Amino acid sequence: MSSKSKGAEPENGSGLLSMYRQARLIGAAALRWAFPERAQNRTYLRRSYNFESPIERGRHARTLSAVAQRLGPSALGEVLEVGCAEGAFTVELAKCSRSVTACDISAVACARAAQRCSGYANISLRHCDIVKASIGGPYDLILAMAVLEGIFGLKRLRRAVIKLVEAIRPGGFLVVNVFDLPGELQRAWWARWFLESKDRHIEALCKHPSLRLVHAESYPGPGLSVPGYAHPVIILLEKTGASQARDSDLSKGAASL
C-alpha cells in the first residue's frame, strides 16, 4: 500500500484542477484583452449565454423601472445602447424611446440584433468598439449594461467613461450594470493585469466630475441568490457639472452592494 493517505489524492487532484482552471481563465482573459471582438464573437457563436432568460428579462425590467423613476412616464428621448448583444433589450427600449442607437463590438451580435429589430423604424444599429470609435450624440440617455467588464486596463476604462459622458446632454443620464468578479478571479495573481472589479468600475464612474450618482441597487435584491448568476449592481448617474464630493458616501454604498 502506498505511504500516501487516501486523503492526499483529492488534494493533489484539486490542485491540478485549479491550475487547469487558472490556465483557461488566463487564456480567456488574454484573448478578451488582445482581441475583444473575436472573444465576443466566440461567445455569440457558441450561444453560451441566454439573453432572454427570466433573470435577464427581470434585470431589463428593473433597469427601465429605475430610469422611469427619474425621467418620468414620457418617452426617453434619444437613447444610445452600448453593448446591445442580440437586441433583446433594444426592442424594449424602442417601445418607450424616440430613437435608439444600438451598438456592439461583435459583428455576430449586430447581425442577430438587426434581424430581431427589423420591425422597429426608430432603431439604428452600429458595429463598433466604443474604446476606439466615435459614438456620436448628444443623447438623453446612454445605457452600458455589462459592457465595462470587457474593457481591460484602468486607463482604457477611464477613457471609455469620458467618451460616454461627453456624448450625454446636460441633465441626461448614464445607466450601467456592473458585475462583480467571482472570488476565484479576484484572488488570482494575474487578475490585476487583465481585469477590473466592480469596485474599480464604480470608482471610475463616480470620480468623473460631471457625473452624480443618483441610484444604485443590487439585482435581484438583498437576500436573493440565483445559482450561477453574477449578481449585478444597477447604477444611474446624472450628467451635471456639480462637484461629486457630496456623493462619496453613496458611491461607497454602491461599491458595497
C-alpha atoms as a PDB file:
ATOM      1  CA  MET A   1       0.000   0.000   0.000  1.00  0.00           C
ATOM      2  CA  SER A   2       1.239   3.477  -0.790  1.00  0.00           C
ATOM      3  CA  SER A   3       2.565   5.505   2.079  1.00  0.00           C
ATOM      4  CA  LYS A   4       0.335   8.379   0.934  1.00  0.00           C
ATOM      5  CA  SER A   5      -3.016   8.595   2.625  1.00  0.00           C
ATOM      6  CA  LYS A   6      -6.187   8.432   0.602  1.00  0.00           C
ATOM      7  CA  GLY A   7      -6.987  11.967   1.681  1.00  0.00           C
ATOM      8  CA  ALA A   8      -3.962  13.312  -0.205  1.00  0.00           C
ATOM      9  CA  GLU A   9      -5.219  12.193  -3.612  1.00  0.00           C
ATOM     10  CA  PRO A  10      -8.202  14.574  -3.849  1.00  0.00           C
ATOM     11  CA  GLU A  11      -5.954  17.381  -2.651  1.00  0.00           C
ATOM     12  CA  ASN A  12      -3.458  16.754  -5.461  1.00  0.00           C
ATOM     13  CA  GLY A  13      -6.249  16.336  -7.976  1.00  0.00           C
ATOM     14  CA  SER A  14      -7.842  19.521  -6.735  1.00  0.00           C
ATOM     15  CA  GLY A  15      -4.541  21.351  -7.153  1.00  0.00           C
ATOM     16  CA  LEU A  16      -4.156  20.169 -10.740  1.00  0.00           C
ATOM     17  CA  LEU A  17      -7.759  21.093 -11.488  1.00  0.00           C
ATOM     18  CA  SER A  18      -7.202  24.538 -10.028  1.00  0.00           C
ATOM     19  CA  MET A  19      -4.097  25.025 -12.184  1.00  0.00           C
ATOM     20  CA  TYR A  20      -6.058  23.914 -15.249  1.00  0.00           C
ATOM     21  CA  ARG A  21      -8.876  26.339 -14.473  1.00  0.00           C
ATOM     22  CA  GLN A  22      -6.416  29.168 -13.886  1.00  0.00           C
ATOM     23  CA  ALA A  23      -4.713  28.458 -17.215  1.00  0.00           C
ATOM     24  CA  ARG A  24      -8.065  28.545 -19.038  1.00  0.00           C
ATOM     25  CA  LEU A  25      -9.078  31.750 -17.273  1.00  0.00           C
ATOM     26  CA  ILE A  26      -5.777  33.413 -18.143  1.00  0.00           C
ATOM     27  CA  GLY A  27      -6.180  32.367 -21.771  1.00  0.00           C
ATOM     28  CA  ALA A  28      -9.746  33.666 -21.940  1.00  0.00           C
ATOM     29  CA  ALA A  29      -8.814  36.967 -20.277  1.00  0.00           C
ATOM     30  CA  ALA A  30      -5.810  37.434 -22.564  1.00  0.00           C
ATOM     31  CA  LEU A  31      -7.970  36.805 -25.631  1.00  0.00           C
ATOM     32  CA  ARG A  32     -10.562  39.342 -24.497  1.00  0.00           C
ATOM     33  CA  TRP A  33      -7.817  41.878 -23.805  1.00  0.00           C
ATOM     34  CA  ALA A  34      -5.945  41.442 -27.090  1.00  0.00           C
ATOM     35  CA  PHE A  35      -8.846  40.566 -29.421  1.00  0.00           C
ATOM     36  CA  PRO A  36     -12.099  41.754 -27.782  1.00  0.00           C
ATOM     37  CA  GLU A  37     -14.232  41.426 -30.922  1.00  0.00           C
ATOM     38  CA  ARG A  38     -13.040  37.879 -31.591  1.00  0.00           C
ATOM     39  CA  ALA A  39     -13.756  36.929 -27.985  1.00  0.00           C
ATOM     40  CA  GLN A  40     -17.277  38.347 -28.152  1.00  0.00           C
ATOM     41  CA  ASN A  41     -17.983  36.691 -31.489  1.00  0.00           C
ATOM     42  CA  ARG A  42     -16.991  33.375 -29.949  1.00  0.00           C
ATOM     43  CA  THR A  43     -19.470  33.933 -27.111  1.00  0.00           C
ATOM     44  CA  TYR A  44     -22.341  34.535 -29.535  1.00  0.00           C
ATOM     45  CA  LEU A  45     -21.398  31.757 -31.947  1.00  0.00           C
ATOM     46  CA  ARG A  46     -21.371  29.287 -29.083  1.00  0.00           C
ATOM     47  CA  ARG A  47     -24.637  30.736 -27.746  1.00  0.00           C
ATOM     48  CA  SER A  48     -23.092  30.424 -24.301  1.00  0.00           C
ATOM     49  CA  TYR A  49     -25.468  32.932 -22.719  1.00  0.00           C
ATOM     50  CA  ASN A  50     -29.249  33.201 -22.734  1.00  0.00           C
ATOM     51  CA  PHE A  51     -30.146  36.893 -23.064  1.00  0.00           C
ATOM     52  CA  GLU A  52     -33.859  36.113 -22.852  1.00  0.00           C
ATOM     53  CA  SER A  53     -33.849  34.099 -19.637  1.00  0.00           C
ATOM     54  CA  PRO A  54     -36.301  35.187 -16.915  1.00  0.00           C
ATOM     55  CA  ILE A  55     -33.470  36.519 -14.752  1.00  0.00           C
ATOM     56  CA  GLU A  56     -32.191  38.682 -17.625  1.00  0.00           C
ATOM     57  CA  ARG A  57     -35.683  39.892 -18.512  1.00  0.00           C
ATOM     58  CA  GLY A  58     -36.079  40.841 -14.882  1.00  0.00           C
ATOM     59  CA  ARG A  59     -32.820  42.812 -14.943  1.00  0.00           C
ATOM     60  CA  HIS A  60     -34.020  44.722 -18.002  1.00  0.00           C
ATOM     61  CA  ALA A  61     -37.342  45.495 -16.308  1.00  0.00           C
ATOM     62  CA  ARG A  62     -35.651  46.683 -13.107  1.00  0.00           C
ATOM     63  CA  THR A  63     -33.316  48.918 -15.095  1.00  0.00           C
ATOM     64  CA  LEU A  64     -36.196  50.517 -17.011  1.00  0.00           C
ATOM     65  CA  SER A  65     -38.124  50.980 -13.775  1.00  0.00           C
ATOM     66  CA  ALA A  66     -35.183  52.796 -12.190  1.00  0.00           C
ATOM     67  CA  VAL A  67     -34.865  55.033 -15.258  1.00  0.00           C
ATOM     68  CA  ALA A  68     -38.618  55.796 -15.269  1.00  0.00           C
ATOM     69  CA  GLN A  69     -38.441  56.896 -11.638  1.00  0.00           C
ATOM     70  CA  ARG A  70     -36.007  59.621 -12.696  1.00  0.00           C
ATOM     71  CA  LEU A  71     -37.268  60.552 -16.153  1.00  0.00           C
ATOM     72  CA  GLY A  72     -40.988  60.048 -15.642  1.00  0.00           C
ATOM     73  CA  PRO A  73     -43.510  58.213 -17.855  1.00  0.00           C
ATOM     74  CA  SER A  74     -42.751  60.223 -21.009  1.00  0.00           C
ATOM     75  CA  ALA A  75     -40.591  58.943 -23.868  1.00  0.00           C
ATOM     76  CA  LEU A  76     -36.920  58.510 -23.029  1.00  0.00           C
ATOM     77  CA  GLY A  77     -35.798  60.670 -25.964  1.00  0.00           C
ATOM     78  CA  GLU A  78     -32.603  59.929 -27.894  1.00  0.00           C
ATOM     79  CA  VAL A  79     -31.061  56.749 -26.475  1.00  0.00           C
ATOM     80  CA  LEU A  80     -27.741  55.005 -27.031  1.00  0.00           C
ATOM     81  CA  GLU A  81     -27.416  51.360 -26.018  1.00  0.00           C
ATOM     82  CA  VAL A  82     -23.786  50.264 -25.828  1.00  0.00           C
ATOM     83  CA  GLY A  83     -23.381  46.500 -25.973  1.00  0.00           C
ATOM     84  CA  CYS A  84     -26.781  45.688 -27.452  1.00  0.00           C
ATOM     85  CA  ALA A  85     -25.958  41.952 -27.796  1.00  0.00           C
ATOM     86  CA  GLU A  86     -28.728  40.238 -29.769  1.00  0.00           C
ATOM     87  CA  GLY A  87     -31.223  43.071 -29.333  1.00  0.00           C
ATOM     88  CA  ALA A  88     -33.500  41.681 -26.615  1.00  0.00           C
ATOM     89  CA  PHE A  89     -33.294  44.847 -24.509  1.00  0.00           C
ATOM     90  CA  THR A  90     -33.053  47.072 -27.601  1.00  0.00           C
ATOM     91  CA  VAL A  91     -36.622  46.191 -28.554  1.00  0.00           C
ATOM     92  CA  GLU A  92     -37.861  47.098 -25.056  1.00  0.00           C
ATOM     93  CA  LEU A  93     -36.064  50.439 -25.248  1.00  0.00           C
ATOM     94  CA  ALA A  94     -37.567  51.202 -28.651  1.00  0.00           C
ATOM     95  CA  LYS A  95     -41.073  50.896 -27.223  1.00  0.00           C
ATOM     96  CA  CYS A  96     -40.502  53.853 -24.883  1.00  0.00           C
ATOM     97  CA  SER A  97     -37.897  55.987 -26.709  1.00  0.00           C
ATOM     98  CA  ARG A  98     -37.956  58.486 -29.554  1.00  0.00           C
ATOM     99  CA  SER A  99     -34.972  56.739 -31.120  1.00  0.00           C
ATOM    100  CA  VAL A 100     -32.460  54.071 -30.140  1.00  0.00           C
ATOM    101  CA  THR A 101     -28.939  53.789 -31.483  1.00  0.00           C
ATOM    102  CA  ALA A 102     -27.691  50.322 -30.569  1.00  0.00           C
ATOM    103  CA  CYS A 103     -24.084  49.232 -30.984  1.00  0.00           C
ATOM    104  CA  ASP A 104     -21.961  46.216 -30.196  1.00  0.00           C
ATOM    105  CA  ILE A 105     -18.342  45.194 -30.715  1.00  0.00           C
ATOM    106  CA  SER A 106     -19.464  41.825 -32.104  1.00  0.00           C
ATOM    107  CA  ALA A 107     -20.481  41.604 -35.767  1.00  0.00           C
ATOM    108  CA  VAL A 108     -22.317  38.373 -34.950  1.00  0.00           C
ATOM    109  CA  ALA A 109     -24.374  40.111 -32.258  1.00  0.00           C
ATOM    110  CA  CYS A 110     -25.164  43.045 -34.562  1.00  0.00           C
ATOM    111  CA  ALA A 111     -26.401  40.720 -37.313  1.00  0.00           C
ATOM    112  CA  ARG A 112     -28.731  38.916 -34.904  1.00  0.00           C
ATOM    113  CA  ALA A 113     -29.917  42.196 -33.400  1.00  0.00           C
ATOM    114  CA  ALA A 114     -30.688  43.523 -36.886  1.00  0.00           C
ATOM    115  CA  GLN A 115     -32.970  40.554 -37.515  1.00  0.00           C
ATOM    116  CA  ARG A 116     -34.746  40.948 -34.185  1.00  0.00           C
ATOM    117  CA  CYS A 117     -35.184  44.720 -34.532  1.00  0.00           C
ATOM    118  CA  SER A 118     -36.144  44.832 -38.205  1.00  0.00           C
ATOM    119  CA  GLY A 119     -39.730  45.813 -37.397  1.00  0.00           C
ATOM    120  CA  TYR A 120     -38.772  48.970 -35.466  1.00  0.00           C
ATOM    121  CA  ALA A 121     -38.185  52.096 -37.531  1.00  0.00           C
ATOM    122  CA  ASN A 122     -36.732  54.022 -34.575  1.00  0.00           C
ATOM    123  CA  ILE A 123     -33.801  51.612 -34.078  1.00  0.00           C
ATOM    124  CA  SER A 124     -30.464  52.057 -35.834  1.00  0.00           C
ATOM    125  CA  LEU A 125     -27.640  49.559 -35.380  1.00  0.00           C
ATOM    126  CA  ARG A 126     -23.885  50.086 -35.473  1.00  0.00           C
ATOM    127  CA  HIS A 127     -20.974  47.663 -35.320  1.00  0.00           C
ATOM    128  CA  CYS A 128     -18.262  49.468 -33.352  1.00  0.00           C
ATOM    129  CA  ASP A 129     -15.798  49.345 -30.469  1.00  0.00           C
ATOM    130  CA  ILE A 130     -16.589  52.249 -28.138  1.00  0.00           C
ATOM    131  CA  VAL A 131     -12.984  52.394 -26.940  1.00  0.00           C
ATOM    132  CA  LYS A 132     -11.809  53.217 -30.477  1.00  0.00           C
ATOM    133  CA  ALA A 133     -14.772  54.587 -32.437  1.00  0.00           C
ATOM    134  CA  SER A 134     -16.819  57.760 -32.181  1.00  0.00           C
ATOM    135  CA  ILE A 135     -20.241  57.153 -30.639  1.00  0.00           C
ATOM    136  CA  GLY A 136     -21.940  60.340 -31.808  1.00  0.00           C
ATOM    137  CA  GLY A 137     -24.510  62.153 -29.717  1.00  0.00           C
ATOM    138  CA  PRO A 138     -25.634  64.001 -27.822  1.00  0.00           C
ATOM    139  CA  TYR A 139     -28.056  61.564 -26.204  1.00  0.00           C
ATOM    140  CA  ASP A 140     -30.613  61.941 -23.439  1.00  0.00           C
ATOM    141  CA  LEU A 141     -29.807  58.503 -22.079  1.00  0.00           C
ATOM    142  CA  ILE A 142     -26.895  56.106 -22.530  1.00  0.00           C
ATOM    143  CA  LEU A 143     -27.032  52.517 -21.305  1.00  0.00           C
ATOM    144  CA  ALA A 144     -23.880  50.418 -20.976  1.00  0.00           C
ATOM    145  CA  MET A 145     -25.062  47.210 -19.357  1.00  0.00           C
ATOM    146  CA  ALA A 146     -22.450  44.528 -18.711  1.00  0.00           C
ATOM    147  CA  VAL A 147     -20.065  46.413 -21.009  1.00  0.00           C
ATOM    148  CA  LEU A 148     -17.363  47.795 -18.723  1.00  0.00           C
ATOM    149  CA  GLU A 149     -16.269  44.273 -17.786  1.00  0.00           C
ATOM    150  CA  GLY A 150     -14.982  43.845 -21.327  1.00  0.00           C
ATOM    151  CA  ILE A 151     -12.701  46.902 -21.133  1.00  0.00           C
ATOM    152  CA  PHE A 152      -9.374  45.870 -19.644  1.00  0.00           C
ATOM    153  CA  GLY A 153      -6.972  48.300 -18.014  1.00  0.00           C
ATOM    154  CA  LEU A 154      -7.909  51.231 -15.794  1.00  0.00           C
ATOM    155  CA  LYS A 155      -6.683  53.835 -18.304  1.00  0.00           C
ATOM    156  CA  ARG A 156      -8.819  52.397 -21.101  1.00  0.00           C
ATOM    157  CA  LEU A 157     -11.764  52.151 -18.715  1.00  0.00           C
ATOM    158  CA  ARG A 158     -11.448  55.825 -17.790  1.00  0.00           C
ATOM    159  CA  ARG A 159     -11.165  56.840 -21.458  1.00  0.00           C
ATOM    160  CA  ALA A 160     -14.359  54.918 -22.216  1.00  0.00           C
ATOM    161  CA  VAL A 161     -16.174  56.624 -19.330  1.00  0.00           C
ATOM    162  CA  ILE A 162     -15.029  60.064 -20.557  1.00  0.00           C
ATOM    163  CA  LYS A 163     -16.281  59.263 -24.072  1.00  0.00           C
ATOM    164  CA  LEU A 164     -19.668  58.154 -22.755  1.00  0.00           C
ATOM    165  CA  VAL A 165     -20.079  61.236 -20.581  1.00  0.00           C
ATOM    166  CA  GLU A 166     -19.170  63.590 -23.435  1.00  0.00           C
ATOM    167  CA  ALA A 167     -21.956  62.042 -25.535  1.00  0.00           C
ATOM    168  CA  ILE A 168     -24.679  62.791 -22.935  1.00  0.00           C
ATOM    169  CA  ARG A 169     -26.679  66.021 -22.940  1.00  0.00           C
ATOM    170  CA  PRO A 170     -26.504  68.088 -19.720  1.00  0.00           C
ATOM    171  CA  GLY A 171     -29.154  66.715 -17.408  1.00  0.00           C
ATOM    172  CA  GLY A 172     -29.106  63.356 -19.210  1.00  0.00           C
ATOM    173  CA  PHE A 173     -28.346  60.014 -17.641  1.00  0.00           C
ATOM    174  CA  LEU A 174     -25.820  57.208 -17.887  1.00  0.00           C
ATOM    175  CA  VAL A 175     -27.043  53.764 -16.842  1.00  0.00           C
ATOM    176  CA  VAL A 176     -24.636  50.920 -16.198  1.00  0.00           C
ATOM    177  CA  ASN A 177     -24.941  47.398 -14.865  1.00  0.00           C
ATOM    178  CA  VAL A 178     -21.675  46.254 -13.314  1.00  0.00           C
ATOM    179  CA  PHE A 179     -20.969  42.663 -12.327  1.00  0.00           C
ATOM    180  CA  ASP A 180     -18.575  41.597  -9.623  1.00  0.00           C
ATOM    181  CA  LEU A 181     -15.865  39.117 -10.447  1.00  0.00           C
ATOM    182  CA  PRO A 182     -16.074  35.609  -8.993  1.00  0.00           C
ATOM    183  CA  GLY A 183     -13.889  35.203  -5.916  1.00  0.00           C
ATOM    184  CA  GLU A 184     -11.557  32.850  -7.794  1.00  0.00           C
ATOM    185  CA  LEU A 185     -10.822  35.593 -10.302  1.00  0.00           C
ATOM    186  CA  GLN A 186     -10.467  38.365  -7.734  1.00  0.00           C
ATOM    187  CA  ARG A 187      -7.819  36.346  -5.880  1.00  0.00           C
ATOM    188  CA  ALA A 188      -5.891  35.313  -9.000  1.00  0.00           C
ATOM    189  CA  TRP A 189      -2.329  36.681  -9.099  1.00  0.00           C
ATOM    190  CA  TRP A 190      -2.723  37.681 -12.763  1.00  0.00           C
ATOM    191  CA  ALA A 191      -6.078  39.479 -12.433  1.00  0.00           C
ATOM    192  CA  ARG A 192      -4.552  42.931 -11.929  1.00  0.00           C
ATOM    193  CA  TRP A 193      -3.131  42.862 -15.450  1.00  0.00           C
ATOM    194  CA  PHE A 194      -6.364  41.925 -17.207  1.00  0.00           C
ATOM    195  CA  LEU A 195      -9.424  42.589 -15.074  1.00  0.00           C
ATOM    196  CA  GLU A 196     -11.139  45.463 -13.323  1.00  0.00           C
ATOM    197  CA  SER A 197     -13.516  44.682 -10.487  1.00  0.00           C
ATOM    198  CA  LYS A 198     -16.940  46.131  -9.780  1.00  0.00           C
ATOM    199  CA  ASP A 199     -15.372  48.499  -7.239  1.00  0.00           C
ATOM    200  CA  ARG A 200     -12.967  49.893  -9.861  1.00  0.00           C
ATOM    201  CA  HIS A 201     -15.850  50.408 -12.295  1.00  0.00           C
ATOM    202  CA  ILE A 202     -17.884  52.329  -9.733  1.00  0.00           C
ATOM    203  CA  GLU A 203     -14.838  54.355  -8.718  1.00  0.00           C
ATOM    204  CA  ALA A 204     -14.111  55.341 -12.331  1.00  0.00           C
ATOM    205  CA  LEU A 205     -17.725  56.443 -12.801  1.00  0.00           C
ATOM    206  CA  CYS A 206     -18.175  58.319  -9.545  1.00  0.00           C
ATOM    207  CA  LYS A 207     -14.862  60.159  -9.833  1.00  0.00           C
ATOM    208  CA  HIS A 208     -15.879  61.811 -13.090  1.00  0.00           C
ATOM    209  CA  PRO A 209     -16.512  65.489 -12.209  1.00  0.00           C
ATOM    210  CA  SER A 210     -19.633  65.706 -14.396  1.00  0.00           C
ATOM    211  CA  LEU A 211     -21.425  62.653 -13.033  1.00  0.00           C
ATOM    212  CA  ARG A 212     -23.681  62.489  -9.994  1.00  0.00           C
ATOM    213  CA  LEU A 213     -24.701  59.091  -8.668  1.00  0.00           C
ATOM    214  CA  VAL A 214     -28.463  59.135  -8.138  1.00  0.00           C
ATOM    215  CA  HIS A 215     -29.407  55.467  -7.849  1.00  0.00           C
ATOM    216  CA  ALA A 216     -27.778  52.122  -7.073  1.00  0.00           C
ATOM    217  CA  GLU A 217     -29.365  48.774  -6.354  1.00  0.00           C
ATOM    218  CA  SER A 218     -28.296  45.168  -6.294  1.00  0.00           C
ATOM    219  CA  TYR A 219     -30.169  42.780  -8.567  1.00  0.00           C
ATOM    220  CA  PRO A 220     -32.108  40.573  -7.968  1.00  0.00           C
ATOM    221  CA  GLY A 221     -32.095  42.076  -4.477  1.00  0.00           C
ATOM    222  CA  PRO A 222     -30.806  41.632  -0.923  1.00  0.00           C
ATOM    223  CA  GLY A 223     -31.014  38.079   0.330  1.00  0.00           C
ATOM    224  CA  LEU A 224     -31.898  36.680  -3.094  1.00  0.00           C
ATOM    225  CA  SER A 225     -29.447  34.385  -4.811  1.00  0.00           C
ATOM    226  CA  VAL A 226     -29.578  32.720  -8.217  1.00  0.00           C
ATOM    227  CA  PRO A 227     -27.050  29.876  -8.651  1.00  0.00           C
ATOM    228  CA  GLY A 228     -24.567  30.571 -11.420  1.00  0.00           C
ATOM    229  CA  TYR A 229     -25.678  34.194 -11.857  1.00  0.00           C
ATOM    230  CA  ALA A 230     -23.192  37.024 -11.309  1.00  0.00           C
ATOM    231  CA  HIS A 231     -25.412  39.482  -9.455  1.00  0.00           C
ATOM    232  CA  PRO A 232     -25.020  42.993 -10.927  1.00  0.00           C
ATOM    233  CA  VAL A 233     -25.448  46.436  -9.448  1.00  0.00           C
ATOM    234  CA  ILE A 234     -27.786  48.715 -11.431  1.00  0.00           C
ATOM    235  CA  ILE A 235     -26.398  52.264 -11.365  1.00  0.00           C
ATOM    236  CA  LEU A 236     -27.838  55.562 -12.634  1.00  0.00           C
ATOM    237  CA  LEU A 237     -25.701  58.673 -12.929  1.00  0.00           C
ATOM    238  CA  GLU A 238     -26.846  62.140 -13.959  1.00  0.00           C
ATOM    239  CA  LYS A 239     -24.637  64.402 -16.045  1.00  0.00           C
ATOM    240  CA  THR A 240     -24.059  67.630 -14.190  1.00  0.00           C
ATOM    241  CA  GLY A 241     -21.088  69.930 -13.697  1.00  0.00           C
ATOM    242  CA  ALA A 242     -21.535  69.912  -9.918  1.00  0.00           C
ATOM    243  CA  SER A 243     -18.823  68.623  -7.591  1.00  0.00           C
ATOM    244  CA  GLN A 244     -19.139  64.991  -6.609  1.00  0.00           C
ATOM    245  CA  ALA A 245     -17.762  65.376  -3.082  1.00  0.00           C
ATOM    246  CA  ARG A 246     -21.264  65.147  -1.608  1.00  0.00           C
ATOM    247  CA  ASP A 247     -21.800  61.771  -3.285  1.00  0.00           C
ATOM    248  CA  SER A 248     -18.838  59.972  -1.715  1.00  0.00           C
ATOM    249  CA  ASP A 249     -20.961  58.100   0.818  1.00  0.00           C
ATOM    250  CA  LEU A 250     -23.407  56.995  -1.879  1.00  0.00           C
ATOM    251  CA  SER A 251     -20.587  55.748  -4.116  1.00  0.00           C
ATOM    252  CA  LYS A 252     -19.147  53.747  -1.220  1.00  0.00           C
ATOM    253  CA  GLY A 253     -22.586  52.279  -0.655  1.00  0.00           C
ATOM    254  CA  ALA A 254     -22.864  51.273  -4.306  1.00  0.00           C
ATOM    255  CA  ALA A 255     -19.490  49.548  -4.179  1.00  0.00           C
ATOM    256  CA  SER A 256     -20.595  47.532  -1.158  1.00  0.00           C
ATOM    257  CA  LEU A 257     -23.740  46.142  -2.843  1.00  0.00           C
END
